[in-house]
Amino acid sequence: MYKRTFYQSVVEAIKGLKFVVQTERNMRVHLLLALLTILAALILQISRIEFILILFSIALVLVAETVNTAFELLLDYVNGAKYHDTIKMLKDIAAGGVLVAAINAIVIGIIVFSSKLIF
């Protein structure tokens, strides 16, 4: 088995992230919303713990999207080009995980930002 150095592992991980950003529109949407949320957090000067909650929520969504992409690629590789109901359901379940993470982030965003936006 090939042993990589820590540096090589980081380089390969960055390549993977770059691939997801380049190929997945939803990842680009998540990144844009993450940037806007961080900007709003800085402008509204939320507390340190609120900022940590926002960052964890963003990270959860981004991790879910990368895992979803990897899982979909694996299913496509294993199943080939043919359609199968079970493969579709597996992909839908993985996408549901991203949806749960995104809803979680929205709810946390509402809780954190509502007190700053309501006068």
N, C-alpha and C. Protein backbone atom coordinates (compact mmCIF):
# COMPACT_ATOMS: atom_id res chain seq x y z
N MET A 1 0.84 -1.18 0.00
CA MET A 1 0.00 0.00 0.00
C MET A 1 0.89 1.25 0.00
N TYR A 2 0.50 2.22 -0.79
CA TYR A 2 1.25 3.46 -0.93
C TYR A 2 1.07 4.32 0.31
N LYS A 3 2.16 4.75 0.90
CA LYS A 3 2.13 5.63 2.06
C LYS A 3 2.41 7.06 1.61
N ARG A 4 1.49 7.95 1.94
CA ARG A 4 1.66 9.36 1.61
C ARG A 4 2.16 10.11 2.83
N THR A 5 2.88 11.16 2.57
CA THR A 5 3.26 12.07 3.65
C THR A 5 2.04 12.91 4.02
N PHE A 6 2.12 13.57 5.15
CA PHE A 6 1.03 14.45 5.56
C PHE A 6 0.80 15.53 4.51
N TYR A 7 1.88 16.11 4.01
CA TYR A 7 1.80 17.15 2.98
C TYR A 7 1.07 16.62 1.74
N GLN A 8 1.44 15.41 1.29
CA GLN A 8 0.78 14.84 0.12
C GLN A 8 -0.71 14.62 0.37
N SER A 9 -1.06 14.20 1.57
CA SER A 9 -2.46 14.00 1.91
C SER A 9 -3.24 15.31 1.85
N VAL A 10 -2.63 16.37 2.35
CA VAL A 10 -3.28 17.68 2.31
C VAL A 10 -3.46 18.14 0.87
N VAL A 11 -2.44 17.96 0.05
CA VAL A 11 -2.53 18.35 -1.37
C VAL A 11 -3.65 17.59 -2.06
N GLU A 12 -3.76 16.28 -1.81
CA GLU A 12 -4.81 15.47 -2.42
C GLU A 12 -6.19 15.90 -1.92
N ALA A 13 -6.30 16.24 -0.64
CA ALA A 13 -7.58 16.70 -0.09
C ALA A 13 -7.99 18.02 -0.75
N ILE A 14 -7.04 18.90 -0.95
CA ILE A 14 -7.34 20.18 -1.62
C ILE A 14 -7.79 19.93 -3.06
N LYS A 15 -7.17 18.98 -3.74
CA LYS A 15 -7.61 18.62 -5.10
C LYS A 15 -9.05 18.14 -5.08
N GLY A 16 -9.39 17.34 -4.06
CA GLY A 16 -10.76 16.85 -3.94
C GLY A 16 -11.75 17.99 -3.73
N LEU A 17 -11.41 18.92 -2.85
CA LEU A 17 -12.28 20.07 -2.62
C LEU A 17 -12.43 20.91 -3.88
N LYS A 18 -11.33 21.11 -4.58
CA LYS A 18 -11.36 21.88 -5.83
C LYS A 18 -12.29 21.21 -6.83
N PHE A 19 -12.23 19.89 -6.92
CA PHE A 19 -13.10 19.15 -7.83
C PHE A 19 -14.57 19.38 -7.49
N VAL A 20 -14.89 19.27 -6.19
CA VAL A 20 -16.28 19.46 -5.77
C VAL A 20 -16.76 20.87 -6.09
N VAL A 21 -15.94 21.87 -5.83
CA VAL A 21 -16.32 23.26 -6.11
C VAL A 21 -16.52 23.47 -7.61
N GLN A 22 -15.64 22.88 -8.42
CA GLN A 22 -15.72 23.07 -9.87
C GLN A 22 -16.90 22.32 -10.50
N THR A 23 -17.28 21.20 -9.92
CA THR A 23 -18.29 20.35 -10.58
C THR A 23 -19.68 20.41 -9.97
N GLU A 24 -19.79 20.91 -8.74
CA GLU A 24 -21.07 20.90 -8.05
C GLU A 24 -21.60 22.31 -7.82
N ARG A 25 -22.66 22.63 -8.52
CA ARG A 25 -23.28 23.96 -8.40
C ARG A 25 -23.73 24.21 -6.96
N ASN A 26 -24.30 23.18 -6.32
CA ASN A 26 -24.77 23.37 -4.95
C ASN A 26 -23.63 23.73 -3.99
N MET A 27 -22.45 23.18 -4.22
CA MET A 27 -21.31 23.55 -3.37
C MET A 27 -20.96 25.02 -3.55
N ARG A 28 -21.02 25.49 -4.78
CA ARG A 28 -20.74 26.91 -5.01
C ARG A 28 -21.79 27.79 -4.34
N VAL A 29 -23.06 27.36 -4.36
CA VAL A 29 -24.12 28.10 -3.68
C VAL A 29 -23.86 28.10 -2.18
N HIS A 30 -23.52 26.94 -1.62
CA HIS A 30 -23.23 26.85 -0.18
C HIS A 30 -22.07 27.77 0.19
N LEU A 31 -21.03 27.79 -0.62
CA LEU A 31 -19.87 28.64 -0.33
C LEU A 31 -20.22 30.13 -0.40
N LEU A 32 -21.03 30.51 -1.36
CA LEU A 32 -21.47 31.91 -1.47
C LEU A 32 -22.29 32.30 -0.24
N LEU A 33 -23.23 31.44 0.14
CA LEU A 33 -24.05 31.73 1.32
C LEU A 33 -23.19 31.75 2.58
N ALA A 34 -22.20 30.88 2.66
CA ALA A 34 -21.29 30.87 3.81
C ALA A 34 -20.53 32.18 3.90
N LEU A 35 -20.03 32.65 2.78
CA LEU A 35 -19.29 33.92 2.75
C LEU A 35 -20.19 35.08 3.17
N LEU A 36 -21.41 35.11 2.64
CA LEU A 36 -22.34 36.18 3.01
C LEU A 36 -22.71 36.11 4.49
N THR A 37 -22.85 34.91 5.01
CA THR A 37 -23.18 34.74 6.43
C THR A 37 -22.05 35.21 7.32
N ILE A 38 -20.82 34.85 6.96
CA ILE A 38 -19.66 35.30 7.73
C ILE A 38 -19.53 36.82 7.68
N LEU A 39 -19.76 37.38 6.51
CA LEU A 39 -19.73 38.84 6.37
C LEU A 39 -20.79 39.50 7.26
N ALA A 40 -22.00 38.95 7.24
CA ALA A 40 -23.07 39.49 8.09
C ALA A 40 -22.70 39.36 9.57
N ALA A 41 -22.10 38.24 9.94
CA ALA A 41 -21.69 38.03 11.33
C ALA A 41 -20.67 39.07 11.77
N LEU A 42 -19.76 39.41 10.87
CA LEU A 42 -18.74 40.42 11.19
C LEU A 42 -19.35 41.81 11.27
N ILE A 43 -20.23 42.10 10.35
CA ILE A 43 -20.87 43.43 10.34
C ILE A 43 -21.75 43.61 11.57
N LEU A 44 -22.51 42.58 11.94
CA LEU A 44 -23.43 42.68 13.06
C LEU A 44 -22.76 42.42 14.41
N GLN A 45 -21.50 42.08 14.37
CA GLN A 45 -20.70 41.87 15.58
C GLN A 45 -21.38 40.90 16.55
N ILE A 46 -21.66 39.70 16.05
CA ILE A 46 -22.26 38.69 16.92
C ILE A 46 -21.22 38.22 17.93
N SER A 47 -21.68 37.57 18.97
CA SER A 47 -20.77 37.12 20.03
C SER A 47 -19.85 36.00 19.52
N ARG A 48 -18.82 35.74 20.29
CA ARG A 48 -17.86 34.71 19.93
C ARG A 48 -18.53 33.34 19.84
N ILE A 49 -19.39 32.99 20.78
CA ILE A 49 -20.06 31.69 20.77
C ILE A 49 -21.04 31.60 19.61
N GLU A 50 -21.71 32.69 19.30
CA GLU A 50 -22.61 32.71 18.14
C GLU A 50 -21.81 32.50 16.85
N PHE A 51 -20.64 33.14 16.79
CA PHE A 51 -19.80 32.99 15.60
C PHE A 51 -19.32 31.54 15.46
N ILE A 52 -18.98 30.93 16.57
CA ILE A 52 -18.56 29.52 16.54
C ILE A 52 -19.71 28.63 16.05
N LEU A 53 -20.92 28.90 16.54
CA LEU A 53 -22.09 28.13 16.08
C LEU A 53 -22.30 28.29 14.57
N ILE A 54 -22.15 29.51 14.09
CA ILE A 54 -22.28 29.77 12.65
C ILE A 54 -21.21 29.00 11.88
N LEU A 55 -19.97 29.05 12.34
CA LEU A 55 -18.89 28.34 11.65
C LEU A 55 -19.11 26.83 11.64
N PHE A 56 -19.55 26.27 12.76
CA PHE A 56 -19.83 24.84 12.81
C PHE A 56 -20.97 24.48 11.86
N SER A 57 -21.98 25.32 11.78
CA SER A 57 -23.09 25.06 10.88
C SER A 57 -22.64 25.08 9.43
N ILE A 58 -21.80 26.06 9.10
CA ILE A 58 -21.27 26.14 7.73
C ILE A 58 -20.43 24.91 7.43
N ALA A 59 -19.57 24.53 8.36
CA ALA A 59 -18.71 23.36 8.14
C ALA A 59 -19.55 22.10 7.94
N LEU A 60 -20.61 21.95 8.73
CA LEU A 60 -21.47 20.77 8.59
C LEU A 60 -22.09 20.69 7.20
N VAL A 61 -22.56 21.80 6.68
CA VAL A 61 -23.15 21.82 5.34
C VAL A 61 -22.09 21.47 4.28
N LEU A 62 -20.91 22.05 4.39
CA LEU A 62 -19.86 21.80 3.40
C LEU A 62 -19.38 20.35 3.46
N VAL A 63 -19.25 19.80 4.66
CA VAL A 63 -18.86 18.39 4.79
C VAL A 63 -19.94 17.50 4.20
N ALA A 64 -21.20 17.78 4.52
CA ALA A 64 -22.30 16.98 3.98
C ALA A 64 -22.30 17.00 2.45
N GLU A 65 -22.06 18.16 1.88
CA GLU A 65 -22.04 18.27 0.40
C GLU A 65 -20.88 17.49 -0.20
N THR A 66 -19.71 17.54 0.42
CA THR A 66 -18.57 16.79 -0.13
C THR A 66 -18.81 15.29 0.00
N VAL A 67 -19.35 14.84 1.12
CA VAL A 67 -19.64 13.41 1.29
C VAL A 67 -20.72 12.97 0.30
N ASN A 68 -21.74 13.79 0.12
CA ASN A 68 -22.79 13.49 -0.86
C ASN A 68 -22.21 13.34 -2.26
N THR A 69 -21.33 14.25 -2.63
CA THR A 69 -20.71 14.17 -3.96
C THR A 69 -19.89 12.91 -4.11
N ALA A 70 -19.09 12.59 -3.11
CA ALA A 70 -18.27 11.37 -3.16
C ALA A 70 -19.15 10.13 -3.27
N PHE A 71 -20.22 10.08 -2.50
CA PHE A 71 -21.13 8.94 -2.51
C PHE A 71 -21.80 8.80 -3.87
N GLU A 72 -22.24 9.91 -4.44
CA GLU A 72 -22.87 9.86 -5.77
C GLU A 72 -21.88 9.38 -6.83
N LEU A 73 -20.66 9.85 -6.77
CA LEU A 73 -19.64 9.39 -7.73
C LEU A 73 -19.38 7.90 -7.57
N LEU A 74 -19.32 7.43 -6.35
CA LEU A 74 -19.11 6.01 -6.10
C LEU A 74 -20.27 5.19 -6.65
N LEU A 75 -21.49 5.63 -6.40
CA LEU A 75 -22.65 4.91 -6.91
C LEU A 75 -22.67 4.89 -8.44
N ASP A 76 -22.32 6.01 -9.05
CA ASP A 76 -22.26 6.06 -10.52
C ASP A 76 -21.19 5.11 -11.05
N TYR A 77 -20.08 5.04 -10.36
CA TYR A 77 -18.99 4.16 -10.78
C TYR A 77 -19.40 2.69 -10.66
N VAL A 78 -20.01 2.34 -9.56
CA VAL A 78 -20.40 0.95 -9.32
C VAL A 78 -21.53 0.54 -10.24
N ASN A 79 -22.50 1.42 -10.43
CA ASN A 79 -23.70 1.08 -11.19
C ASN A 79 -23.56 1.35 -12.69
N GLY A 80 -22.59 2.14 -13.09
CA GLY A 80 -22.46 2.47 -14.51
C GLY A 80 -23.54 3.43 -14.94
N ALA A 81 -23.83 3.44 -16.21
CA ALA A 81 -24.77 4.41 -16.78
C ALA A 81 -26.23 3.96 -16.67
N LYS A 82 -26.47 2.75 -16.21
CA LYS A 82 -27.84 2.26 -16.18
C LYS A 82 -28.61 2.80 -14.97
N TYR A 83 -29.91 3.00 -15.17
CA TYR A 83 -30.77 3.52 -14.11
C TYR A 83 -31.21 2.37 -13.21
N HIS A 84 -31.25 2.64 -11.92
CA HIS A 84 -31.75 1.65 -10.98
C HIS A 84 -32.47 2.39 -9.85
N ASP A 85 -33.68 1.93 -9.49
CA ASP A 85 -34.47 2.60 -8.45
C ASP A 85 -33.72 2.68 -7.11
N THR A 86 -33.02 1.62 -6.74
CA THR A 86 -32.31 1.61 -5.46
C THR A 86 -31.17 2.63 -5.46
N ILE A 87 -30.44 2.74 -6.57
CA ILE A 87 -29.36 3.72 -6.67
C ILE A 87 -29.92 5.13 -6.53
N LYS A 88 -31.06 5.38 -7.21
CA LYS A 88 -31.69 6.69 -7.10
C LYS A 88 -32.07 6.98 -5.65
N MET A 89 -32.63 5.99 -4.96
CA MET A 89 -33.04 6.18 -3.58
C MET A 89 -31.82 6.46 -2.68
N LEU A 90 -30.73 5.75 -2.90
CA LEU A 90 -29.51 5.99 -2.13
C LEU A 90 -29.01 7.42 -2.33
N LYS A 91 -29.04 7.89 -3.58
CA LYS A 91 -28.62 9.26 -3.86
C LYS A 91 -29.56 10.27 -3.19
N ASP A 92 -30.86 9.98 -3.23
CA ASP A 92 -31.83 10.87 -2.59
C ASP A 92 -31.62 10.93 -1.08
N ILE A 93 -31.30 9.79 -0.47
CA ILE A 93 -31.04 9.75 0.97
C ILE A 93 -29.81 10.61 1.31
N ALA A 94 -28.75 10.47 0.53
CA ALA A 94 -27.54 11.27 0.77
C ALA A 94 -27.83 12.76 0.59
N ALA A 95 -28.62 13.10 -0.43
CA ALA A 95 -29.00 14.49 -0.63
C ALA A 95 -29.85 14.99 0.54
N GLY A 96 -30.66 14.10 1.10
CA GLY A 96 -31.45 14.44 2.28
C GLY A 96 -30.57 14.83 3.45
N GLY A 97 -29.43 14.17 3.57
CA GLY A 97 -28.48 14.52 4.62
C GLY A 97 -27.97 15.95 4.47
N VAL A 98 -27.72 16.35 3.23
CA VAL A 98 -27.29 17.72 2.96
C VAL A 98 -28.42 18.68 3.32
N LEU A 99 -29.64 18.30 2.98
CA LEU A 99 -30.79 19.14 3.30
C LEU A 99 -30.95 19.33 4.80
N VAL A 100 -30.77 18.26 5.57
CA VAL A 100 -30.86 18.36 7.03
C VAL A 100 -29.80 19.34 7.55
N ALA A 101 -28.57 19.22 7.05
CA ALA A 101 -27.49 20.12 7.47
C ALA A 101 -27.81 21.56 7.10
N ALA A 102 -28.36 21.77 5.90
CA ALA A 102 -28.69 23.13 5.46
C ALA A 102 -29.83 23.72 6.29
N ILE A 103 -30.84 22.93 6.60
CA ILE A 103 -31.94 23.41 7.44
C ILE A 103 -31.41 23.76 8.83
N ASN A 104 -30.54 22.93 9.37
CA ASN A 104 -29.91 23.20 10.65
C ASN A 104 -29.19 24.56 10.61
N ALA A 105 -28.44 24.80 9.55
CA ALA A 105 -27.70 26.06 9.42
C ALA A 105 -28.66 27.25 9.32
N ILE A 106 -29.75 27.08 8.62
CA ILE A 106 -30.74 28.16 8.49
C ILE A 106 -31.35 28.48 9.85
N VAL A 107 -31.73 27.44 10.59
CA VAL A 107 -32.35 27.64 11.90
C VAL A 107 -31.37 28.34 12.85
N ILE A 108 -30.13 27.90 12.86
CA ILE A 108 -29.13 28.55 13.71
C ILE A 108 -28.92 29.99 13.27
N GLY A 109 -28.88 30.22 11.96
CA GLY A 109 -28.75 31.59 11.45
C GLY A 109 -29.91 32.47 11.89
N ILE A 110 -31.11 31.94 11.84
CA ILE A 110 -32.28 32.71 12.27
C ILE A 110 -32.18 33.04 13.76
N ILE A 111 -31.81 32.05 14.55
CA ILE A 111 -31.69 32.27 16.00
C ILE A 111 -30.62 33.32 16.30
N VAL A 112 -29.47 33.20 15.65
CA VAL A 112 -28.36 34.12 15.95
C VAL A 112 -28.64 35.52 15.43
N PHE A 113 -29.12 35.62 14.19
CA PHE A 113 -29.24 36.95 13.58
C PHE A 113 -30.54 37.67 13.92
N SER A 114 -31.57 36.93 14.32
CA SER A 114 -32.86 37.60 14.58
C SER A 114 -32.74 38.63 15.69
N SER A 115 -31.97 38.35 16.74
CA SER A 115 -31.83 39.31 17.83
C SER A 115 -31.06 40.56 17.39
N LYS A 116 -30.22 40.43 16.37
CA LYS A 116 -29.46 41.58 15.88
C LYS A 116 -30.26 42.41 14.87
N LEU A 117 -31.23 41.78 14.22
CA LEU A 117 -31.97 42.46 13.16
C LEU A 117 -33.31 43.01 13.62
N ILE A 118 -33.83 42.50 14.75
CA ILE A 118 -35.08 43.01 15.29
C ILE A 118 -34.75 44.09 16.30
N PHE A 119 -35.30 45.26 16.07
CA PHE A 119 -34.94 46.41 16.93
C PHE A 119 -35.84 46.50 18.13
